């Protein structure tokens, strides 16, 4: 049972680590664009959406390989652990 809980914990940590660069980048750009909109009194949804989209694309272009590598390592360990559980049930 502890291996299942360990895999669950590892999955949550992996999800948080993969999502964190995207969320933090979008959050920083959101705050900056909100400050600019408040200073200039130009309130338009595209002023907030387009920069966030560009930053998320930039983060994926620069760090996507590391994020995908982390996800693939987790997937491989999850499949390996699932196979071990199947073997333990037979014995």
N, C-alpha and C. Protein backbone atom coordinates (compact mmCIF):
# COMPACT_ATOMS: atom_id res chain seq x y z
N UNK A 1 0.82 -1.19 0.00
CA UNK A 1 0.00 0.00 0.00
C UNK A 1 0.86 1.25 0.00
N UNK A 2 2.00 1.19 0.68
CA UNK A 2 2.84 2.39 0.73
C UNK A 2 3.40 2.73 -0.64
N UNK A 3 3.62 1.72 -1.49
CA UNK A 3 4.13 2.03 -2.83
C UNK A 3 3.09 2.79 -3.65
N UNK A 4 1.82 2.48 -3.45
CA UNK A 4 0.75 3.21 -4.13
C UNK A 4 0.71 4.66 -3.66
N UNK A 5 0.85 4.85 -2.35
CA UNK A 5 0.85 6.21 -1.81
C UNK A 5 2.11 6.96 -2.25
N UNK A 6 3.22 6.26 -2.36
CA UNK A 6 4.45 6.89 -2.84
C UNK A 6 4.31 7.33 -4.29
N UNK A 7 3.68 6.50 -5.11
CA UNK A 7 3.46 6.86 -6.51
C UNK A 7 2.48 8.04 -6.62
N UNK A 8 1.48 8.06 -5.77
CA UNK A 8 0.52 9.18 -5.77
C UNK A 8 1.23 10.47 -5.40
N UNK A 9 2.06 10.42 -4.35
CA UNK A 9 2.82 11.59 -3.92
C UNK A 9 3.77 12.05 -5.03
N UNK A 10 4.45 11.09 -5.65
CA UNK A 10 5.38 11.44 -6.73
C UNK A 10 4.64 12.04 -7.93
N UNK A 11 3.44 11.55 -8.20
CA UNK A 11 2.64 12.11 -9.29
C UNK A 11 2.21 13.54 -9.03
N UNK A 12 1.80 13.81 -7.79
CA UNK A 12 1.42 15.18 -7.43
C UNK A 12 2.60 16.13 -7.49
N UNK A 13 3.76 15.68 -7.01
CA UNK A 13 4.96 16.51 -7.06
C UNK A 13 5.36 16.77 -8.50
N UNK A 14 5.30 15.73 -9.33
CA UNK A 14 5.66 15.90 -10.75
C UNK A 14 4.72 16.87 -11.43
N UNK A 15 3.42 16.75 -11.17
CA UNK A 15 2.45 17.67 -11.77
C UNK A 15 2.72 19.11 -11.34
N UNK A 16 3.04 19.30 -10.07
CA UNK A 16 3.32 20.65 -9.58
C UNK A 16 4.59 21.21 -10.20
N UNK A 17 5.62 20.39 -10.32
CA UNK A 17 6.89 20.86 -10.88
C UNK A 17 6.79 21.14 -12.38
N UNK A 18 5.95 20.40 -13.07
CA UNK A 18 5.78 20.63 -14.51
C UNK A 18 4.93 21.87 -14.76
N UNK A 19 3.91 22.08 -13.94
CA UNK A 19 3.02 23.22 -14.14
C UNK A 19 3.58 24.53 -13.60
N UNK A 20 4.49 24.45 -12.63
CA UNK A 20 4.97 25.65 -11.96
C UNK A 20 5.60 26.69 -12.90
N UNK A 21 6.49 26.33 -13.82
CA UNK A 21 7.07 27.37 -14.69
C UNK A 21 6.03 28.08 -15.54
N UNK A 22 5.03 27.34 -16.01
CA UNK A 22 3.99 27.95 -16.84
C UNK A 22 3.11 28.89 -16.01
N UNK A 23 2.73 28.44 -14.84
CA UNK A 23 1.85 29.25 -13.98
C UNK A 23 2.57 30.49 -13.47
N UNK A 24 3.82 30.33 -13.05
CA UNK A 24 4.58 31.47 -12.53
C UNK A 24 4.83 32.50 -13.63
N UNK A 25 5.17 32.03 -14.83
CA UNK A 25 5.37 32.96 -15.94
C UNK A 25 4.12 33.73 -16.29
N UNK A 26 2.99 33.03 -16.35
CA UNK A 26 1.72 33.69 -16.65
C UNK A 26 1.31 34.64 -15.54
N UNK A 27 1.60 34.27 -14.29
CA UNK A 27 1.25 35.12 -13.17
C UNK A 27 2.06 36.42 -13.18
N UNK A 28 3.35 36.31 -13.44
CA UNK A 28 4.19 37.51 -13.48
C UNK A 28 3.75 38.45 -14.59
N UNK A 29 3.51 37.91 -15.77
CA UNK A 29 3.06 38.73 -16.89
C UNK A 29 1.68 39.31 -16.61
N UNK A 30 0.82 38.55 -15.95
CA UNK A 30 -0.51 39.05 -15.60
C UNK A 30 -0.44 40.25 -14.67
N UNK A 31 0.46 40.18 -13.69
CA UNK A 31 0.61 41.30 -12.75
C UNK A 31 1.18 42.52 -13.47
N UNK A 32 2.18 42.31 -14.33
CA UNK A 32 2.78 43.43 -15.06
C UNK A 32 1.77 44.09 -15.99
N UNK A 33 1.02 43.28 -16.73
CA UNK A 33 0.04 43.87 -17.64
C UNK A 33 -1.10 44.55 -16.87
N UNK A 34 -1.47 44.01 -15.71
CA UNK A 34 -2.50 44.67 -14.90
C UNK A 34 -2.02 46.02 -14.40
N UNK A 35 -0.76 46.09 -14.00
CA UNK A 35 -0.21 47.38 -13.56
C UNK A 35 -0.17 48.38 -14.71
N UNK A 36 0.23 47.91 -15.89
CA UNK A 36 0.26 48.80 -17.05
C UNK A 36 -1.15 49.25 -17.45
N UNK A 37 -2.11 48.34 -17.38
CA UNK A 37 -3.49 48.72 -17.71
C UNK A 37 -4.04 49.72 -16.69
N UNK A 38 -3.68 49.53 -15.43
CA UNK A 38 -4.16 50.47 -14.41
C UNK A 38 -3.50 51.83 -14.58
N UNK A 39 -2.24 51.84 -14.97
CA UNK A 39 -1.53 53.12 -15.14
C UNK A 39 -2.01 53.87 -16.37
N UNK A 40 -2.31 53.14 -17.45
CA UNK A 40 -2.71 53.80 -18.69
C UNK A 40 -4.22 53.86 -18.87
N UNK A 41 -4.98 53.19 -18.02
CA UNK A 41 -6.43 53.11 -18.09
C UNK A 41 -6.92 52.54 -19.43
N UNK A 42 -6.13 51.61 -19.97
CA UNK A 42 -6.52 50.90 -21.19
C UNK A 42 -6.92 49.49 -20.78
N UNK A 43 -8.21 49.23 -20.68
CA UNK A 43 -8.70 47.93 -20.25
C UNK A 43 -9.23 47.16 -21.45
N UNK A 44 -8.43 46.22 -21.90
CA UNK A 44 -8.82 45.37 -23.01
C UNK A 44 -8.34 43.96 -22.70
N UNK A 45 -9.14 42.97 -23.00
CA UNK A 45 -8.79 41.59 -22.66
C UNK A 45 -7.58 41.10 -23.44
N UNK A 46 -7.41 41.57 -24.67
CA UNK A 46 -6.27 41.10 -25.47
C UNK A 46 -4.94 41.61 -24.92
N UNK A 47 -4.95 42.72 -24.21
CA UNK A 47 -3.71 43.22 -23.60
C UNK A 47 -3.23 42.28 -22.50
N UNK A 48 -4.11 41.53 -21.93
CA UNK A 48 -3.73 40.57 -20.89
C UNK A 48 -3.48 39.18 -21.47
N UNK A 49 -4.25 38.79 -22.47
CA UNK A 49 -4.19 37.43 -23.00
C UNK A 49 -2.97 37.20 -23.88
N UNK A 50 -2.69 38.09 -24.78
CA UNK A 50 -1.61 37.89 -25.75
C UNK A 50 -0.24 37.78 -25.08
N UNK A 51 0.13 38.66 -24.15
CA UNK A 51 1.43 38.50 -23.50
C UNK A 51 1.55 37.19 -22.71
N UNK A 52 0.46 36.76 -22.06
CA UNK A 52 0.49 35.49 -21.34
C UNK A 52 0.71 34.33 -22.30
N UNK A 53 0.04 34.38 -23.43
CA UNK A 53 0.21 33.34 -24.44
C UNK A 53 1.63 33.30 -24.97
N UNK A 54 2.22 34.47 -25.19
CA UNK A 54 3.60 34.52 -25.67
C UNK A 54 4.58 34.00 -24.63
N UNK A 55 4.37 34.34 -23.37
CA UNK A 55 5.27 33.87 -22.31
C UNK A 55 5.16 32.36 -22.12
N UNK A 56 3.96 31.83 -22.17
CA UNK A 56 3.80 30.38 -22.03
C UNK A 56 4.46 29.67 -23.21
N UNK A 57 4.32 30.21 -24.41
CA UNK A 57 5.00 29.64 -25.56
C UNK A 57 6.52 29.70 -25.42
N UNK A 58 7.02 30.81 -24.89
CA UNK A 58 8.46 30.95 -24.68
C UNK A 58 8.97 29.97 -23.63
N UNK A 59 8.22 29.81 -22.55
CA UNK A 59 8.61 28.85 -21.51
C UNK A 59 8.61 27.43 -22.08
N UNK A 60 7.62 27.10 -22.87
CA UNK A 60 7.59 25.76 -23.48
C UNK A 60 8.72 25.57 -24.48
N UNK A 61 9.05 26.62 -25.22
CA UNK A 61 10.14 26.50 -26.19
C UNK A 61 11.49 26.35 -25.50
N UNK A 62 11.69 27.08 -24.41
CA UNK A 62 12.99 27.03 -23.74
C UNK A 62 13.11 25.87 -22.76
N UNK A 63 12.05 25.52 -22.07
CA UNK A 63 12.15 24.49 -21.04
C UNK A 63 11.26 23.29 -21.26
N UNK A 64 10.65 23.20 -22.42
CA UNK A 64 9.74 22.10 -22.70
C UNK A 64 10.41 20.74 -22.66
N UNK A 65 11.67 20.69 -23.11
CA UNK A 65 12.37 19.40 -23.10
C UNK A 65 12.59 18.90 -21.68
N UNK A 66 12.87 19.79 -20.74
CA UNK A 66 13.06 19.40 -19.34
C UNK A 66 11.73 18.95 -18.72
N UNK A 67 10.66 19.65 -19.06
CA UNK A 67 9.34 19.28 -18.54
C UNK A 67 8.91 17.92 -19.09
N UNK A 68 9.14 17.71 -20.37
CA UNK A 68 8.79 16.43 -20.98
C UNK A 68 9.66 15.30 -20.44
N UNK A 69 10.92 15.59 -20.16
CA UNK A 69 11.82 14.59 -19.59
C UNK A 69 11.33 14.17 -18.21
N UNK A 70 10.91 15.15 -17.39
CA UNK A 70 10.40 14.82 -16.06
C UNK A 70 9.14 13.97 -16.15
N UNK A 71 8.24 14.33 -17.08
CA UNK A 71 7.02 13.54 -17.26
C UNK A 71 7.31 12.13 -17.74
N UNK A 72 8.26 11.99 -18.65
CA UNK A 72 8.57 10.65 -19.16
C UNK A 72 9.23 9.78 -18.09
N UNK A 73 10.06 10.38 -17.23
CA UNK A 73 10.65 9.61 -16.13
C UNK A 73 9.57 9.14 -15.15
N UNK A 74 8.62 10.01 -14.86
CA UNK A 74 7.53 9.61 -13.97
C UNK A 74 6.68 8.51 -14.60
N UNK A 75 6.38 8.64 -15.88
CA UNK A 75 5.56 7.64 -16.55
C UNK A 75 6.27 6.29 -16.55
N UNK A 76 7.57 6.29 -16.84
CA UNK A 76 8.32 5.03 -16.83
C UNK A 76 8.33 4.39 -15.45
N UNK A 77 8.51 5.20 -14.40
CA UNK A 77 8.52 4.63 -13.05
C UNK A 77 7.12 4.14 -12.66
N UNK A 78 6.07 4.82 -13.11
CA UNK A 78 4.71 4.38 -12.80
C UNK A 78 4.39 3.06 -13.49
N UNK A 79 4.82 2.91 -14.74
CA UNK A 79 4.58 1.66 -15.46
C UNK A 79 5.38 0.53 -14.82
N UNK A 80 6.62 0.83 -14.44
CA UNK A 80 7.46 -0.17 -13.78
C UNK A 80 6.83 -0.60 -12.45
N UNK A 81 6.32 0.36 -11.68
CA UNK A 81 5.69 0.04 -10.40
C UNK A 81 4.40 -0.75 -10.60
N UNK A 82 3.65 -0.45 -11.64
CA UNK A 82 2.43 -1.21 -11.92
C UNK A 82 2.76 -2.65 -12.26
N UNK A 83 3.83 -2.87 -12.98
CA UNK A 83 4.25 -4.23 -13.29
C UNK A 83 4.69 -4.98 -12.06
N UNK A 84 5.35 -4.29 -11.13
CA UNK A 84 5.77 -4.94 -9.89
C UNK A 84 4.58 -5.31 -9.02
N UNK A 85 3.55 -4.49 -9.02
CA UNK A 85 2.35 -4.81 -8.26
C UNK A 85 1.70 -6.06 -8.81
N UNK A 86 1.68 -6.19 -10.12
CA UNK A 86 1.12 -7.38 -10.74
C UNK A 86 1.89 -8.64 -10.37
N UNK A 87 3.21 -8.51 -10.28
CA UNK A 87 4.03 -9.66 -9.91
C UNK A 87 3.84 -10.03 -8.44
N UNK A 88 3.66 -9.03 -7.59
CA UNK A 88 3.47 -9.29 -6.17
C UNK A 88 2.15 -10.02 -5.93
N UNK A 89 1.13 -9.74 -6.73
CA UNK A 89 -0.17 -10.39 -6.56
C UNK A 89 -0.11 -11.87 -6.91
N UNK A 90 0.75 -12.26 -7.81
CA UNK A 90 0.84 -13.65 -8.24
C UNK A 90 1.55 -14.53 -7.21
N UNK A 91 2.38 -13.94 -6.40
CA UNK A 91 3.15 -14.75 -5.45
C UNK A 91 2.41 -15.05 -4.20
